Amino acid sequence: MNDIEQERLRKVRRWLSYADEDLLFAQHGLKLTTSVPYRLIAYHAQQCVEKCLKAYLVHKVIDFPYTHDISRLLELCAEHAAWTSLSRWLEKRLVMSCGSIKAGRLWKS
């Protein structure tokens, strides 16, 4: 493995390490029994996904803009991965579910 490949692998590992930290925080928040910070849990879950996608893009040597837009990152991944079509389907369901939660249709207080 040459120096460029080693540096790319280091960057991939760094993105995945950051993603692991976000996931750990979100998982910890879900274990709380009172004053559960759902907004922060969702934020860190989103950050985990974003960082995993960025790690994939670095691995595939695909430039990406400074963005937090998961849809945009998935578009960039789509050229190189068949799994993105499944991700698109899941993303649409998640958006619909979040809308239902906000409208009070999934959970009743």
Protein backbone atom coordinates (compact mmCIF):
# COMPACT_ATOMS: atom_id res chain seq x y z
CA MET A 1 0.00 0.00 0.00
CA ASN A 2 1.48 3.34 -1.04
CA ASP A 3 1.47 6.56 1.01
CA ILE A 4 -1.62 7.97 -0.72
CA GLU A 5 -3.63 4.82 -0.05
CA GLN A 6 -2.46 4.77 3.57
CA GLU A 7 -3.54 8.39 4.03
CA ARG A 8 -6.93 7.65 2.49
CA LEU A 9 -7.37 4.66 4.81
CA ARG A 10 -6.43 6.86 7.79
CA LYS A 11 -9.12 9.37 6.78
CA VAL A 12 -11.72 6.61 6.40
CA ARG A 13 -10.88 5.30 9.86
CA ARG A 14 -11.11 8.81 11.30
CA TRP A 15 -14.60 9.38 9.81
CA LEU A 16 -15.72 5.98 11.14
CA SER A 17 -14.29 6.75 14.56
CA TYR A 18 -16.29 10.00 14.68
CA ALA A 19 -19.39 8.07 13.57
CA ASP A 20 -18.84 5.54 16.36
CA GLU A 21 -18.71 8.36 18.91
CA ASP A 22 -22.01 9.79 17.68
CA LEU A 23 -23.62 6.36 17.73
CA LEU A 24 -22.35 5.72 21.26
CA PHE A 25 -23.84 9.02 22.44
CA ALA A 26 -27.20 8.25 20.80
CA GLN A 27 -27.28 4.75 22.30
CA HIS A 28 -26.45 6.11 25.74
CA GLY A 29 -29.25 8.65 25.48
CA LEU A 30 -31.75 5.91 24.67
CA LYS A 31 -30.86 4.14 27.91
CA LEU A 32 -32.00 7.06 30.04
CA THR A 33 -35.27 6.56 31.89
CA THR A 34 -36.07 10.21 32.63
CA SER A 35 -35.50 13.45 30.76
CA VAL A 36 -34.57 11.59 27.59
CA PRO A 37 -32.98 14.08 25.15
CA TYR A 38 -34.70 12.79 21.99
CA ARG A 39 -33.63 15.81 19.93
CA LEU A 40 -29.97 15.18 20.76
CA ILE A 41 -30.33 11.45 20.17
CA ALA A 42 -31.77 12.11 16.70
CA TYR A 43 -29.04 14.66 15.98
CA HIS A 44 -26.25 12.24 16.86
CA ALA A 45 -27.90 9.39 14.94
CA GLN A 46 -28.04 11.65 11.87
CA GLN A 47 -24.41 12.63 12.41
CA CYS A 48 -23.43 8.97 12.59
CA VAL A 49 -25.08 8.23 9.25
CA GLU A 50 -23.54 11.32 7.67
CA LYS A 51 -20.04 10.39 8.80
CA CYS A 52 -20.41 6.79 7.60
CA LEU A 53 -21.44 8.04 4.17
CA LYS A 54 -18.47 10.42 4.11
CA ALA A 55 -16.14 7.55 5.06
CA TYR A 56 -17.53 5.56 2.12
CA LEU A 57 -16.99 8.50 -0.23
CA VAL A 58 -13.40 8.94 0.95
CA HIS A 59 -12.83 5.20 0.49
CA LYS A 60 -14.13 5.42 -3.10
CA VAL A 61 -12.10 8.61 -3.76
CA ILE A 62 -15.22 10.68 -4.44
CA ASP A 63 -15.06 14.39 -3.65
CA PHE A 64 -17.97 15.74 -1.65
CA PRO A 65 -19.01 19.23 -0.60
CA TYR A 66 -19.19 20.51 2.94
CA THR A 67 -22.74 19.44 3.71
CA HIS A 68 -24.95 17.80 6.32
CA ASP A 69 -27.48 16.79 3.65
CA ILE A 70 -27.74 12.99 3.78
CA SER A 71 -29.78 12.98 0.56
CA ARG A 72 -26.96 14.75 -1.27
CA LEU A 73 -24.38 12.35 0.14
CA LEU A 74 -26.51 9.38 -0.92
CA GLU A 75 -26.69 10.83 -4.44
CA LEU A 76 -22.91 10.88 -4.56
CA CYS A 77 -22.72 7.30 -3.26
CA ALA A 78 -25.36 6.08 -5.72
CA GLU A 79 -22.94 5.98 -8.64
CA HIS A 80 -20.79 3.42 -6.84
CA ALA A 81 -23.10 1.36 -4.64
CA ALA A 82 -26.25 -0.66 -5.19
CA TRP A 83 -27.21 -0.37 -1.51
CA THR A 84 -28.16 3.30 -2.00
CA SER A 85 -31.50 2.37 -3.62
CA LEU A 86 -32.46 0.58 -0.39
CA SER A 87 -31.22 3.57 1.58
CA ARG A 88 -33.45 5.89 -0.47
CA TRP A 89 -36.46 3.71 0.29
CA LEU A 90 -35.62 3.73 4.03
CA GLU A 91 -35.02 7.49 3.97
CA LYS A 92 -38.51 8.12 2.55
CA ARG A 93 -40.08 5.93 5.25
CA LEU A 94 -38.10 7.73 7.96
CA VAL A 95 -39.27 11.13 6.75
CA MET A 96 -42.87 9.87 6.71
CA SER A 97 -42.45 8.44 10.22
CA CYS A 98 -40.97 11.64 11.58
CA GLY A 99 -43.90 13.57 10.13
CA SER A 100 -46.29 11.15 11.83
CA ILE A 101 -44.50 11.52 15.15
CA LYS A 102 -44.73 15.30 14.93
CA ALA A 103 -48.40 15.05 14.12
CA GLY A 104 -48.92 12.75 17.12
CA ARG A 105 -50.06 9.78 15.03
CA LEU A 106 -47.43 7.25 16.11
CA TRP A 107 -47.08 7.95 19.80
CA LYS A 108 -49.72 9.08 22.20
CA SER A 109 -48.71 10.96 25.31
